[in-house]
Amino acid sequence: MDYQRLVSYIYSYPEGVKGRNAGFAKALVHQGQFKLNISLRGVKTDSPEMFGIYMMVADGGYRLIKLGECLVKMGQMEYSGVFNPDNINDTGYSFRDICGLAVAREDARYDCMLSMWKDEDVTPDMLVFSGMDAKKQAEAEIVIKERMRQSDEEEKRQETAESSVVRQEMAGYNAAMRERGQSESGGQQPVQSESAMLAGKSEMAQTKQIVVEEQQIVQTKQAEVAAESVTMPENIKADGVAAKIPAETQHLQQKAHRANATQTDPFEKLFVRADYIDAFDDDYFYDCIEVSPEKLKCLNQNEIDIAGNSFLLHGYYNFRHILFGRVRDNLDNTKYFIGVPGMYCNRERYMASMFGFNNFKKSHRSDYANPYFGYWYQEI
């Protein structure tokens, strides 16, 4: 089997309902071995307790096949296992057959932790433990068939309604943008409530004022640093100490260098005096900050059409922010990302892709408790 590597999050399912993130699993297939590592934190047990490690396969349902056991102590667990990727534990199943993992007490479907590797919606009552008694297995199969029937019906309803709903929402967003544009240009405004007009004008004025103030602060600092870095070396040379530049002068030159970098890359202005947000479990996106569409428009270098991107504006009006930040070194040589807040669902995914936001990253922000909250993003 070819080289494969996978990292997935593990979520708790107290009483069968998806809850918080409990840890992660790492799977690596390389040189004829399948290495599995699982790390959990915050597992609730009254005393040290053994939990089973299961792989999930779609075999007339979602069947759990035991791979091993691991001790949970003081809420923590670390598991490592090595298997044959073409015939895991002599079960006849290969790595390609795995659609998820489970960590659970024996036959405890409603108090387990799950990690799905494929885009499938699975709940604990759909799980079948290998060796489970016939009655429980039959009950699980009934639940699975009913869920599949409901899922098919829901997909058909979405297919018929989705396109019309999207068109209606996009028309509404575009109309709102035209009204806002006419309000800014002083043209004739469409009929709308006085309170809505006042609220819109106030919001736009406040946002513009913030951008202007931040730009003035950056320009003032650049002027101060430039003046200091020019005058200081002359004074040192007049005193005959040019051989060794004092630490203070080096610091000023470093400030001047950063100011020049800020001037070269306008996106760096967004980070001046910004509060950083802890948004994601990994650090691929870092230095995340909240911005407004107005700030992005003032600094935009034709990377993305802010004014005409109805999906971005829709996300901003719903959550009152857009996420912006830096990107780790990568093969695409992207430096920043723009994230539109939203919930992961089929309709929103369709809308996001229409406006260039094809990727979704789940967020662990505590101020948004919904487990499906995250950001539709694109790198620039």
Protein backbone atom coordinates (compact mmCIF):
# COMPACT_ATOMS: atom_id res chain seq x y z
CA MET A 1 0.00 0.00 0.00
CA ASP A 2 1.23 3.50 -0.85
CA TYR A 3 2.30 6.06 1.71
CA GLN A 4 -0.68 7.57 3.52
CA ARG A 5 -0.89 9.89 6.51
CA LEU A 6 -4.01 11.05 8.32
CA VAL A 7 -4.74 13.17 11.40
CA SER A 8 -8.30 13.38 12.73
CA TYR A 9 -10.02 14.80 15.79
CA ILE A 10 -11.86 12.62 18.29
CA TYR A 11 -15.13 13.83 19.82
CA SER A 12 -17.02 12.65 22.85
CA TYR A 13 -20.64 11.51 22.50
CA PRO A 14 -22.21 11.74 25.98
CA GLU A 15 -25.62 10.05 25.89
CA GLY A 16 -25.32 9.71 22.12
CA VAL A 17 -24.97 13.45 21.37
CA LYS A 18 -21.81 14.86 19.78
CA GLY A 19 -19.92 16.95 22.33
CA ARG A 20 -16.50 18.49 22.75
CA ASN A 21 -13.17 17.61 21.22
CA ALA A 22 -11.47 14.95 23.36
CA GLY A 23 -8.22 14.43 21.46
CA PHE A 24 -6.85 13.27 18.13
CA ALA A 25 -5.68 10.22 16.20
CA LYS A 26 -2.70 9.93 13.85
CA ALA A 27 -2.52 7.17 11.23
CA LEU A 28 0.54 6.46 9.10
CA VAL A 29 0.88 3.78 6.41
CA HIS A 30 4.49 3.40 5.31
CA GLN A 31 6.87 0.58 4.39
CA GLY A 32 4.29 -2.14 4.92
CA GLN A 33 3.14 -0.95 8.35
CA PHE A 34 0.04 0.83 9.63
CA LYS A 35 0.95 2.84 12.74
CA LEU A 36 -1.88 4.23 14.84
CA ASN A 37 -1.44 6.75 17.68
CA ILE A 38 -4.30 8.10 19.80
CA SER A 39 -4.07 10.85 22.41
CA LEU A 40 -7.01 11.78 24.65
CA ARG A 41 -7.48 14.37 27.40
CA GLY A 42 -10.33 15.07 29.78
CA VAL A 43 -11.93 11.61 29.67
CA LYS A 44 -14.30 11.33 32.63
CA THR A 45 -13.80 8.22 34.78
CA ASP A 46 -14.19 7.67 38.52
CA SER A 47 -11.00 5.60 38.63
CA PRO A 48 -8.39 4.20 36.20
CA GLU A 49 -10.29 2.19 33.61
CA MET A 50 -9.57 0.17 30.47
CA PHE A 51 -11.11 1.36 27.20
CA GLY A 52 -11.27 -0.53 23.94
CA ILE A 53 -9.78 0.83 20.70
CA TYR A 54 -11.96 0.04 17.68
CA MET A 55 -11.75 0.59 13.95
CA MET A 56 -15.00 1.36 12.16
CA VAL A 57 -15.88 -0.31 8.85
CA ALA A 58 -19.01 0.05 6.71
CA ASP A 59 -20.18 -3.55 6.49
CA GLY A 60 -23.97 -3.59 6.33
CA GLY A 61 -23.81 -0.87 8.96
CA TYR A 62 -21.04 0.71 10.99
CA ARG A 63 -19.23 -2.21 12.56
CA LEU A 64 -16.64 -1.71 15.31
CA ILE A 65 -13.76 -4.19 15.32
CA LYS A 66 -11.49 -4.20 18.35
CA LEU A 67 -7.83 -3.37 17.78
CA GLY A 68 -6.65 -3.30 21.38
CA GLU A 69 -7.10 -1.74 24.82
CA CYS A 70 -5.61 1.17 26.68
CA LEU A 71 -5.77 2.46 30.25
CA VAL A 72 -7.40 5.81 30.95
CA LYS A 73 -5.84 7.33 34.04
CA MET A 74 -6.53 10.80 35.46
CA GLY A 75 -8.55 11.57 32.36
CA GLN A 76 -5.67 10.93 29.95
CA MET A 77 -4.85 8.16 27.48
CA GLU A 78 -1.97 7.49 25.08
CA TYR A 79 -2.28 4.55 22.69
CA SER A 80 0.10 3.21 20.02
CA GLY A 81 -0.39 0.23 17.75
CA VAL A 82 1.25 -1.27 14.65
CA PHE A 83 -0.73 -3.38 12.17
CA ASN A 84 -0.60 -4.94 8.72
CA PRO A 85 -2.33 -2.34 6.50
CA ASP A 86 -3.58 -5.02 4.07
CA ASN A 87 -5.07 -7.35 6.70
CA ILE A 88 -5.55 -5.61 10.04
CA ASN A 89 -5.40 -8.09 12.95
CA ASP A 90 -6.27 -10.93 10.52
CA THR A 91 -9.80 -9.52 10.11
CA GLY A 92 -9.67 -9.39 6.31
CA TYR A 93 -10.12 -5.61 6.40
CA SER A 94 -7.47 -3.25 5.04
CA PHE A 95 -6.61 0.35 5.85
CA ARG A 96 -8.76 1.46 2.91
CA ASP A 97 -11.83 -0.09 4.56
CA ILE A 98 -11.60 2.04 7.71
CA CYS A 99 -14.13 4.88 7.84
CA GLY A 100 -13.45 5.92 11.45
CA LEU A 101 -12.25 5.03 14.94
CA ALA A 102 -13.95 4.60 18.29
CA VAL A 103 -12.72 4.56 21.88
CA ALA A 104 -15.28 3.03 24.20
CA ARG A 105 -16.04 0.72 27.07
CA GLU A 106 -17.18 -2.73 26.00
CA ASP A 107 -20.50 -2.43 24.14
CA ALA A 108 -21.05 1.08 25.58
CA ARG A 109 -22.49 2.72 22.48
CA TYR A 110 -23.84 5.74 24.32
CA ASP A 111 -20.67 6.65 26.17
CA CYS A 112 -17.96 6.54 23.54
CA MET A 113 -15.61 8.78 21.58
CA LEU A 114 -15.63 8.76 17.78
CA SER A 115 -13.42 9.98 14.96
CA MET A 116 -14.86 9.89 11.44
CA TRP A 117 -12.41 9.58 8.54
CA LYS A 118 -14.99 9.96 5.80
CA ASP A 119 -17.78 12.45 5.20
CA GLU A 120 -20.45 10.42 6.96
CA ASP A 121 -22.82 11.40 9.75
CA VAL A 122 -22.73 8.63 12.35
CA THR A 123 -24.29 8.56 15.80
CA PRO A 124 -23.64 5.96 18.51
CA ASP A 125 -27.01 4.23 18.04
CA MET A 126 -25.88 3.26 14.52
CA LEU A 127 -22.81 1.36 15.78
CA VAL A 128 -22.56 -2.42 15.89
CA PHE A 129 -19.83 -3.91 18.09
CA SER A 130 -18.32 -7.05 16.62
CA GLY A 131 -19.72 -9.91 18.72
CA MET A 132 -22.72 -7.88 19.93
CA ASP A 133 -25.76 -10.00 20.72
CA ALA A 134 -28.31 -10.51 17.93
CA LYS A 135 -31.03 -8.32 19.48
CA LYS A 136 -28.80 -5.25 19.80
CA GLN A 137 -27.39 -5.83 16.33
CA ALA A 138 -30.89 -6.01 14.83
CA GLU A 139 -31.86 -2.79 16.63
CA ALA A 140 -28.79 -1.03 15.26
CA GLU A 141 -29.51 -2.21 11.72
CA ILE A 142 -33.07 -0.84 11.96
CA VAL A 143 -31.74 2.53 13.10
CA ILE A 144 -29.19 2.57 10.27
CA LYS A 145 -31.80 1.81 7.60
CA GLU A 146 -34.12 4.50 8.95
CA ARG A 147 -31.30 7.06 9.02
CA MET A 148 -30.33 6.18 5.45
CA ARG A 149 -33.94 6.58 4.30
CA GLN A 150 -34.23 9.95 6.05
CA SER A 151 -30.90 11.04 4.59
CA ASP A 152 -32.01 10.16 1.04
CA GLU A 153 -35.26 12.08 1.47
CA GLU A 154 -33.44 15.08 2.91
CA GLU A 155 -30.95 15.13 0.02
CA LYS A 156 -33.79 15.08 -2.51
CA ARG A 157 -35.53 17.96 -0.74
CA GLN A 158 -32.29 19.93 -0.62
CA GLU A 159 -31.57 19.36 -4.30
CA THR A 160 -34.97 20.76 -5.31
CA ALA A 161 -34.93 23.70 -2.87
CA GLU A 162 -31.24 24.57 -2.65
CA SER A 163 -30.78 26.40 -5.94
CA SER A 164 -33.88 28.57 -5.50
CA VAL A 165 -32.96 29.41 -1.89
CA VAL A 166 -29.43 30.37 -2.89
CA ARG A 167 -30.71 32.58 -5.69
CA GLN A 168 -33.12 34.32 -3.33
CA GLU A 169 -30.43 34.86 -0.68
CA MET A 170 -27.90 36.13 -3.20
CA ALA A 171 -30.47 38.52 -4.62
CA GLY A 172 -31.15 39.79 -1.11
CA TYR A 173 -27.46 40.24 -0.34
CA ASN A 174 -26.81 42.04 -3.63
CA ALA A 175 -29.79 44.32 -3.07
CA ALA A 176 -28.49 45.17 0.38
CA MET A 177 -25.07 45.94 -1.06
CA ARG A 178 -26.57 48.21 -3.72
CA GLU A 179 -28.51 50.07 -1.04
CA ARG A 180 -25.36 50.48 1.04
CA GLY A 181 -23.39 51.69 -1.98
CA GLN A 182 -26.04 54.25 -2.86
CA SER A 183 -26.12 55.42 0.74
CA GLU A 184 -22.33 55.96 0.74
CA SER A 185 -22.27 57.79 -2.62
CA GLY A 186 -25.06 60.15 -1.58
CA GLY A 187 -27.34 58.97 -4.37
CA GLN A 188 -31.05 58.42 -4.13
CA GLN A 189 -31.73 55.76 -1.54
CA PRO A 190 -34.31 52.97 -1.89
CA VAL A 191 -37.24 52.98 0.47
CA GLN A 192 -36.20 51.49 3.81
CA SER A 193 -36.87 52.08 7.48
CA GLU A 194 -35.28 55.12 9.10
CA SER A 195 -33.77 53.02 11.88
CA ALA A 196 -32.09 50.67 9.37
CA MET A 197 -30.58 53.60 7.47
CA LEU A 198 -29.26 55.21 10.65
CA ALA A 199 -27.79 51.91 11.89
CA GLY A 200 -26.08 51.25 8.56
CA LYS A 201 -24.60 54.76 8.35
CA SER A 202 -23.39 54.62 11.94
CA GLU A 203 -21.71 51.25 11.44
CA MET A 204 -19.96 52.31 8.24
CA ALA A 205 -18.78 55.60 9.79
CA GLN A 206 -17.35 53.83 12.84
CA THR A 207 -15.53 51.26 10.71
CA LYS A 208 -14.05 53.91 8.42
CA GLN A 209 -12.95 55.99 11.40
CA ILE A 210 -11.11 52.99 12.90
CA VAL A 211 -9.30 52.32 9.62
CA VAL A 212 -8.29 55.99 9.24
CA GLU A 213 -7.01 56.15 12.83
CA GLU A 214 -4.92 52.98 12.43
CA GLN A 215 -3.44 54.24 9.16
CA GLN A 216 -2.52 57.55 10.84
CA ILE A 217 -0.85 55.68 13.72
CA VAL A 218 1.21 53.56 11.30
CA GLN A 219 2.27 56.60 9.27
CA THR A 220 3.26 58.54 12.40
CA LYS A 221 5.37 55.65 13.70
CA GLN A 222 7.05 55.22 10.34
CA ALA A 223 7.97 58.93 10.24
CA GLU A 224 9.38 58.83 13.79
CA VAL A 225 11.43 55.71 13.14
CA ALA A 226 12.77 57.05 9.83
CA ALA A 227 13.86 60.33 11.48
CA GLU A 228 15.59 58.51 14.33
CA SER A 229 17.40 56.04 12.07
CA VAL A 230 18.75 58.90 9.91
CA THR A 231 19.97 61.24 12.68
CA MET A 232 21.45 58.75 15.12
CA PRO A 233 24.34 57.42 12.94
CA GLU A 234 25.47 61.01 12.18
CA ASN A 235 25.70 61.85 15.89
CA ILE A 236 27.67 58.69 16.56
CA LYS A 237 30.09 59.38 13.72
CA ALA A 238 30.67 62.97 14.95
CA ASP A 239 31.66 61.57 18.33
CA GLY A 240 34.14 59.20 16.70
CA VAL A 241 32.41 55.99 17.79
CA ALA A 242 31.40 54.67 14.38
CA ALA A 243 33.17 51.35 14.86
CA LYS A 244 30.52 50.04 17.23
CA ILE A 245 26.82 50.86 16.87
CA PRO A 246 25.06 51.10 20.25
CA ALA A 247 22.23 48.68 21.03
CA GLU A 248 19.69 51.53 21.01
CA THR A 249 20.57 52.41 17.42
CA GLN A 250 20.34 48.76 16.38
CA HIS A 251 16.87 48.62 17.90
CA LEU A 252 15.83 51.75 15.96
CA GLN A 253 17.17 50.27 12.73
CA GLN A 254 15.19 47.08 13.35
CA LYS A 255 12.07 49.20 13.90
CA ALA A 256 12.76 51.02 10.64
CA HIS A 257 13.15 47.68 8.84
CA ARG A 258 9.79 46.48 10.19
CA ALA A 259 8.18 49.77 9.21
CA ASN A 260 9.52 49.37 5.67
CA ALA A 261 8.13 45.83 5.55
CA THR A 262 4.76 47.15 6.69
CA GLN A 263 4.87 49.80 4.00
CA THR A 264 5.79 47.21 1.34
CA ASP A 265 3.04 44.75 2.28
CA PRO A 266 -0.19 46.63 3.04
CA PHE A 267 -1.78 43.57 4.65
CA GLU A 268 0.70 43.90 7.53
CA LYS A 269 -1.11 47.08 8.58
CA LEU A 270 -4.01 44.92 9.75
CA PHE A 271 -1.86 43.46 12.53
CA VAL A 272 -0.96 46.83 14.07
CA ARG A 273 -2.38 46.97 17.62
CA ALA A 274 -4.62 43.97 16.84
CA ASP A 275 -5.81 41.43 19.40
CA TYR A 276 -4.95 37.87 18.39
CA ILE A 277 -7.63 35.16 18.45
CA ASP A 278 -7.12 31.51 19.41
CA ALA A 279 -9.28 29.95 16.72
CA PHE A 280 -7.86 26.55 15.67
CA ASP A 281 -6.40 23.40 17.18
CA ASP A 282 -3.28 23.46 14.98
CA ASP A 283 -0.91 26.30 14.07
CA TYR A 284 -1.05 26.21 10.26
CA PHE A 285 -3.07 29.43 10.49
CA TYR A 286 -1.61 31.74 13.14
CA ASP A 287 -1.72 35.39 14.29
CA CYS A 288 -5.47 35.30 13.68
CA ILE A 289 -7.30 38.61 14.06
CA GLU A 290 -10.84 39.87 13.51
CA VAL A 291 -11.31 42.42 10.72
CA SER A 292 -14.16 44.06 8.85
CA PRO A 293 -14.81 44.10 5.08
CA GLU A 294 -14.05 47.83 5.13
CA LYS A 295 -10.51 47.18 6.40
CA LEU A 296 -9.92 44.52 3.77
CA LYS A 297 -11.18 46.81 1.00
CA CYS A 298 -8.84 49.61 2.07
CA LEU A 299 -5.80 47.30 1.84
CA ASN A 300 -6.88 44.82 -0.80
CA GLN A 301 -4.47 44.18 -3.68
CA ASN A 302 -6.99 42.62 -6.07
CA GLU A 303 -6.61 39.27 -4.29
CA ILE A 304 -10.35 39.06 -3.69
CA ASP A 305 -13.32 41.19 -4.70
CA ILE A 306 -14.54 42.27 -1.26
CA ALA A 307 -17.33 44.59 -2.36
CA GLY A 308 -18.82 42.04 -4.75
CA ASN A 309 -18.39 38.95 -2.57
CA SER A 310 -21.85 38.48 -1.15
CA PHE A 311 -20.91 35.36 0.80
CA LEU A 312 -18.14 37.19 2.68
CA LEU A 313 -20.49 40.06 3.53
CA HIS A 314 -23.22 37.61 4.55
CA GLY A 315 -20.81 35.94 7.02
CA TYR A 316 -19.75 39.32 8.39
CA TYR A 317 -23.31 40.52 9.01
CA ASN A 318 -24.19 37.25 10.78
CA PHE A 319 -21.10 37.02 13.03
CA ARG A 320 -19.84 40.62 13.03
CA HIS A 321 -16.30 39.73 11.95
CA ILE A 322 -14.07 38.24 9.27
CA LEU A 323 -11.01 36.25 10.35
CA PHE A 324 -7.63 37.19 8.89
CA GLY A 325 -4.21 35.76 9.67
CA ARG A 326 -0.89 34.41 8.54
CA VAL A 327 -0.18 31.02 6.92
CA ARG A 328 2.77 28.75 7.66
CA ASP A 329 5.34 28.20 4.91
CA ASN A 330 3.79 26.03 2.21
CA LEU A 331 4.32 24.86 -1.36
CA ASP A 332 1.74 27.31 -2.72
CA ASN A 333 3.72 30.25 -1.27
CA THR A 334 0.60 31.78 0.25
CA LYS A 335 1.17 34.22 3.13
CA TYR A 336 -2.28 35.05 4.50
CA PHE A 337 -5.78 33.65 4.72
CA ILE A 338 -9.27 35.15 4.84
CA GLY A 339 -11.87 33.21 6.82
CA VAL A 340 -15.63 33.71 6.62
CA PRO A 341 -17.41 32.48 9.78
CA GLY A 342 -20.22 30.00 9.34
CA MET A 343 -21.59 26.53 10.01
CA TYR A 344 -20.67 23.44 8.04
CA CYS A 345 -23.70 22.25 6.07
CA ASN A 346 -24.46 21.38 2.45
CA ARG A 347 -26.24 24.62 1.61
CA GLU A 348 -23.50 26.82 3.05
CA ARG A 349 -20.82 24.74 1.35
CA TYR A 350 -22.55 25.31 -1.98
CA MET A 351 -22.78 29.06 -1.39
CA ALA A 352 -19.17 29.29 -0.20
CA SER A 353 -17.82 27.53 -3.29
CA MET A 354 -19.72 29.95 -5.54
CA PHE A 355 -17.67 32.82 -4.09
CA GLY A 356 -14.23 31.21 -3.94
CA PHE A 357 -14.24 29.82 -0.37
CA ASN A 358 -13.93 26.12 -1.14
CA ASN A 359 -12.30 25.00 2.13
CA PHE A 360 -13.67 24.76 5.67
CA LYS A 361 -11.71 24.62 8.93
CA LYS A 362 -13.43 23.82 12.22
CA SER A 363 -12.84 26.29 15.03
CA HIS A 364 -12.69 25.64 18.77
CA ARG A 365 -13.57 29.21 19.74
CA SER A 366 -15.32 29.14 23.10
CA ASP A 367 -17.55 32.10 22.20
CA TYR A 368 -19.23 29.99 19.50
CA ALA A 369 -20.36 26.76 21.16
CA ASN A 370 -21.91 25.14 18.08
CA PRO A 371 -19.82 22.04 17.17
CA TYR A 372 -20.27 22.80 13.46
CA PHE A 373 -18.87 26.35 13.70
CA GLY A 374 -15.76 27.21 11.73
CA TYR A 375 -14.42 29.26 8.84
CA TRP A 376 -14.77 28.97 5.08
CA TYR A 377 -11.38 30.19 3.93
CA GLN A 378 -9.09 30.92 1.04
CA GLU A 379 -5.36 31.58 1.13
CA ILE A 380 -3.80 34.60 -0.57
